[in-house]
Amino acid sequence: MIPRKIDRQTASTIKSMLQKLNVNDSRVLIDFDKETVESQDSDLFYR
């Protein structure tokens, strides 16, 4: 998977939406097909 950069406004909007769902983790995986949000461990992003 290739990470993609998003602009600050988009990041802020997504963060606000997730906070409404009580998702406050700094790293998450959003699966639109399964309609799920999964918290990710920080170390997974540095392998």
PDB file of N, CA and C in Angstrom:
ATOM      1  N   MET A   1       0.847  -1.172   0.000  1.00  0.00           N
ATOM      2  CA  MET A   1       0.000   0.000   0.000  1.00  0.00           C
ATOM      3  C   MET A   1       0.890   1.232   0.000  1.00  0.00           C
ATOM      4  N   ILE A   2       0.578   2.181  -0.848  1.00  0.00           N
ATOM      5  CA  ILE A   2       1.344   3.411  -0.940  1.00  0.00           C
ATOM      6  C   ILE A   2       0.604   4.507  -0.176  1.00  0.00           C
ATOM      7  N   PRO A   3       1.241   5.079   0.847  1.00  0.00           N
ATOM      8  CA  PRO A   3       0.588   6.179   1.575  1.00  0.00           C
ATOM      9  C   PRO A   3       0.384   7.381   0.657  1.00  0.00           C
ATOM     10  N   ARG A   4      -0.703   8.074   0.849  1.00  0.00           N
ATOM     11  CA  ARG A   4      -0.998   9.263   0.041  1.00  0.00           C
ATOM     12  C   ARG A   4      -1.140  10.454   0.959  1.00  0.00           C
ATOM     13  N   LYS A   5      -0.568  11.563   0.567  1.00  0.00           N
ATOM     14  CA  LYS A   5      -0.627  12.797   1.343  1.00  0.00           C
ATOM     15  C   LYS A   5      -1.983  13.463   1.121  1.00  0.00           C
ATOM     16  N   ILE A   6      -2.594  13.956   2.213  1.00  0.00           N
ATOM     17  CA  ILE A   6      -3.839  14.702   2.101  1.00  0.00           C
ATOM     18  C   ILE A   6      -3.611  16.098   2.672  1.00  0.00           C
ATOM     19  N   ASP A   7      -4.419  17.041   2.247  1.00  0.00           N
ATOM     20  CA  ASP A   7      -4.249  18.410   2.721  1.00  0.00           C
ATOM     21  C   ASP A   7      -4.763  18.543   4.157  1.00  0.00           C
ATOM     22  N   ARG A   8      -4.350  19.608   4.815  1.00  0.00           N
ATOM     23  CA  ARG A   8      -4.660  19.835   6.225  1.00  0.00           C
ATOM     24  C   ARG A   8      -6.162  19.908   6.488  1.00  0.00           C
ATOM     25  N   GLN A   9      -6.912  20.548   5.606  1.00  0.00           N
ATOM     26  CA  GLN A   9      -8.365  20.680   5.779  1.00  0.00           C
ATOM     27  C   GLN A   9      -9.047  19.316   5.708  1.00  0.00           C
ATOM     28  N   THR A  10      -8.637  18.479   4.758  1.00  0.00           N
ATOM     29  CA  THR A  10      -9.206  17.143   4.640  1.00  0.00           C
ATOM     30  C   THR A  10      -8.895  16.318   5.885  1.00  0.00           C
ATOM     31  N   ALA A  11      -7.650  16.376   6.353  1.00  0.00           N
ATOM     32  CA  ALA A  11      -7.260  15.650   7.561  1.00  0.00           C
ATOM     33  C   ALA A  11      -8.087  16.111   8.762  1.00  0.00           C
ATOM     34  N   SER A  12      -8.292  17.400   8.882  1.00  0.00           N
ATOM     35  CA  SER A  12      -9.074  17.950   9.987  1.00  0.00           C
ATOM     36  C   SER A  12     -10.527  17.493   9.922  1.00  0.00           C
ATOM     37  N   THR A  13     -11.094  17.479   8.733  1.00  0.00           N
ATOM     38  CA  THR A  13     -12.477  17.040   8.552  1.00  0.00           C
ATOM     39  C   THR A  13     -12.645  15.565   8.914  1.00  0.00           C
ATOM     40  N   ILE A  14     -11.728  14.730   8.439  1.00  0.00           N
ATOM     41  CA  ILE A  14     -11.798  13.301   8.752  1.00  0.00           C
ATOM     42  C   ILE A  14     -11.626  13.082  10.248  1.00  0.00           C
ATOM     43  N   LYS A  15     -10.685  13.790  10.852  1.00  0.00           N
ATOM     44  CA  LYS A  15     -10.450  13.671  12.291  1.00  0.00           C
ATOM     45  C   LYS A  15     -11.706  14.037  13.080  1.00  0.00           C
ATOM     46  N   SER A  16     -12.376  15.098  12.687  1.00  0.00           N
ATOM     47  CA  SER A  16     -13.614  15.515  13.358  1.00  0.00           C
ATOM     48  C   SER A  16     -14.701  14.455  13.228  1.00  0.00           C
ATOM     49  N   MET A  17     -14.812  13.868  12.052  1.00  0.00           N
ATOM     50  CA  MET A  17     -15.809  12.819  11.832  1.00  0.00           C
ATOM     51  C   MET A  17     -15.519  11.613  12.715  1.00  0.00           C
ATOM     52  N   LEU A  18     -14.253  11.218  12.811  1.00  0.00           N
ATOM     53  CA  LEU A  18     -13.884  10.071  13.626  1.00  0.00           C
ATOM     54  C   LEU A  18     -14.090  10.346  15.112  1.00  0.00           C
ATOM     55  N   GLN A  19     -13.830  11.581  15.541  1.00  0.00           N
ATOM     56  CA  GLN A  19     -14.043  11.927  16.949  1.00  0.00           C
ATOM     57  C   GLN A  19     -15.514  11.799  17.333  1.00  0.00           C
ATOM     58  N   LYS A  20     -16.407  12.068  16.404  1.00  0.00           N
ATOM     59  CA  LYS A  20     -17.842  11.893  16.665  1.00  0.00           C
ATOM     60  C   LYS A  20     -18.183  10.425  16.905  1.00  0.00           C
ATOM     61  N   LEU A  21     -17.345   9.524  16.393  1.00  0.00           N
ATOM     62  CA  LEU A  21     -17.524   8.083  16.588  1.00  0.00           C
ATOM     63  C   LEU A  21     -16.662   7.569  17.743  1.00  0.00           C
ATOM     64  N   ASN A  22     -16.102   8.500  18.518  1.00  0.00           N
ATOM     65  CA  ASN A  22     -15.213   8.165  19.639  1.00  0.00           C
ATOM     66  C   ASN A  22     -13.956   7.424  19.195  1.00  0.00           C
ATOM     67  N   VAL A  23     -13.463   7.741  18.017  1.00  0.00           N
ATOM     68  CA  VAL A  23     -12.200   7.193  17.534  1.00  0.00           C
ATOM     69  C   VAL A  23     -11.187   8.322  17.636  1.00  0.00           C
ATOM     70  N   ASN A  24     -10.291   8.200  18.617  1.00  0.00           N
ATOM     71  CA  ASN A  24      -9.332   9.272  18.880  1.00  0.00           C
ATOM     72  C   ASN A  24      -7.890   8.846  18.650  1.00  0.00           C
ATOM     73  N   ASP A  25      -7.689   7.709  18.020  1.00  0.00           N
ATOM     74  CA  ASP A  25      -6.343   7.218  17.749  1.00  0.00           C
ATOM     75  C   ASP A  25      -5.697   8.045  16.645  1.00  0.00           C
ATOM     76  N   SER A  26      -4.383   8.199  16.736  1.00  0.00           N
ATOM     77  CA  SER A  26      -3.698   9.012  15.731  1.00  0.00           C
ATOM     78  C   SER A  26      -3.514   8.269  14.411  1.00  0.00           C
ATOM     79  N   ARG A  27      -3.576   6.940  14.447  1.00  0.00           N
ATOM     80  CA  ARG A  27      -3.430   6.144  13.225  1.00  0.00           C
ATOM     81  C   ARG A  27      -4.574   5.144  13.131  1.00  0.00           C
ATOM     82  N   VAL A  28      -5.282   5.188  12.010  1.00  0.00           N
ATOM     83  CA  VAL A  28      -6.400   4.273  11.792  1.00  0.00           C
ATOM     84  C   VAL A  28      -6.371   3.775  10.352  1.00  0.00           C
ATOM     85  N   LEU A  29      -7.012   2.641  10.153  1.00  0.00           N
ATOM     86  CA  LEU A  29      -7.197   2.096   8.818  1.00  0.00           C
ATOM     87  C   LEU A  29      -8.688   2.132   8.537  1.00  0.00           C
ATOM     88  N   ILE A  30      -9.071   2.827   7.482  1.00  0.00           N
ATOM     89  CA  ILE A  30     -10.481   2.926   7.105  1.00  0.00           C
ATOM     90  C   ILE A  30     -10.702   2.008   5.908  1.00  0.00           C
ATOM     91  N   ASP A  31     -11.623   1.075   6.068  1.00  0.00           N
ATOM     92  CA  ASP A  31     -11.976   0.161   4.977  1.00  0.00           C
ATOM     93  C   ASP A  31     -13.385   0.530   4.524  1.00  0.00           C
ATOM     94  N   PHE A  32     -13.486   1.170   3.380  1.00  0.00           N
ATOM     95  CA  PHE A  32     -14.784   1.623   2.884  1.00  0.00           C
ATOM     96  C   PHE A  32     -15.644   0.463   2.392  1.00  0.00           C
ATOM     97  N   ASP A  33     -15.015  -0.609   1.913  1.00  0.00           N
ATOM     98  CA  ASP A  33     -15.778  -1.767   1.464  1.00  0.00           C
ATOM     99  C   ASP A  33     -16.475  -2.448   2.640  1.00  0.00           C
ATOM    100  N   LYS A  34     -15.744  -2.594   3.747  1.00  0.00           N
ATOM    101  CA  LYS A  34     -16.311  -3.244   4.936  1.00  0.00           C
ATOM    102  C   LYS A  34     -17.010  -2.251   5.864  1.00  0.00           C
ATOM    103  N   GLU A  35     -16.841  -0.965   5.572  1.00  0.00           N
ATOM    104  CA  GLU A  35     -17.405   0.113   6.394  1.00  0.00           C
ATOM    105  C   GLU A  35     -16.936   0.005   7.843  1.00  0.00           C
ATOM    106  N   THR A  36     -15.587  -0.127   8.001  1.00  0.00           N
ATOM    107  CA  THR A  36     -14.995  -0.239   9.328  1.00  0.00           C
ATOM    108  C   THR A  36     -13.844   0.746   9.494  1.00  0.00           C
ATOM    109  N   VAL A  37     -13.550   1.056  10.753  1.00  0.00           N
ATOM    110  CA  VAL A  37     -12.384   1.856  11.126  1.00  0.00           C
ATOM    111  C   VAL A  37     -11.619   1.040  12.150  1.00  0.00           C
ATOM    112  N   GLU A  38     -10.339   0.816  11.907  1.00  0.00           N
ATOM    113  CA  GLU A  38      -9.516  -0.019  12.778  1.00  0.00           C
ATOM    114  C   GLU A  38      -8.313   0.771  13.268  1.00  0.00           C
ATOM    115  N   SER A  39      -8.081   0.760  14.569  1.00  0.00           N
ATOM    116  CA  SER A  39      -6.905   1.409  15.140  1.00  0.00           C
ATOM    117  C   SER A  39      -5.663   0.637  14.715  1.00  0.00           C
ATOM    118  N   GLN A  40      -4.592   1.368  14.441  1.00  0.00           N
ATOM    119  CA  GLN A  40      -3.342   0.755  14.016  1.00  0.00           C
ATOM    120  C   GLN A  40      -2.247   1.053  15.033  1.00  0.00           C
ATOM    121  N   ASP A  41      -1.388   0.074  15.286  1.00  0.00           N
ATOM    122  CA  ASP A  41      -0.222   0.303  16.139  1.00  0.00           C
ATOM    123  C   ASP A  41       0.787   1.136  15.367  1.00  0.00           C
ATOM    124  N   SER A  42       1.448   2.041  16.043  1.00  0.00           N
ATOM    125  CA  SER A  42       2.422   2.931  15.413  1.00  0.00           C
ATOM    126  C   SER A  42       3.546   2.150  14.730  1.00  0.00           C
ATOM    127  N   ASP A  43       4.002   1.062  15.366  1.00  0.00           N
ATOM    128  CA  ASP A  43       5.130   0.335  14.817  1.00  0.00           C
ATOM    129  C   ASP A  43       4.819  -0.329  13.474  1.00  0.00           C
ATOM    130  N   LEU A  44       3.553  -0.553  13.147  1.00  0.00           N
ATOM    131  CA  LEU A  44       3.196  -1.141  11.863  1.00  0.00           C
ATOM    132  C   LEU A  44       3.544  -0.206  10.706  1.00  0.00           C
ATOM    133  N   PHE A  45       3.579   1.082  10.959  1.00  0.00           N
ATOM    134  CA  PHE A  45       3.829   2.047   9.888  1.00  0.00           C
ATOM    135  C   PHE A  45       5.306   2.275   9.644  1.00  0.00           C
ATOM    136  N   TYR A  46       6.159   1.697  10.472  1.00  0.00           N
ATOM    137  CA  TYR A  46       7.591   1.914  10.321  1.00  0.00           C
ATOM    138  C   TYR A  46       8.356   0.655   9.935  1.00  0.00           C
ATOM    139  N   ARG A  47       7.656  -0.370   9.490  1.00  0.00           N
ATOM    140  CA  ARG A  47       8.309  -1.613   9.094  1.00  0.00           C
ATOM    141  C   ARG A  47       8.805  -1.538   7.683  1.00  0.00           C
TER     142      ARG A  47
END
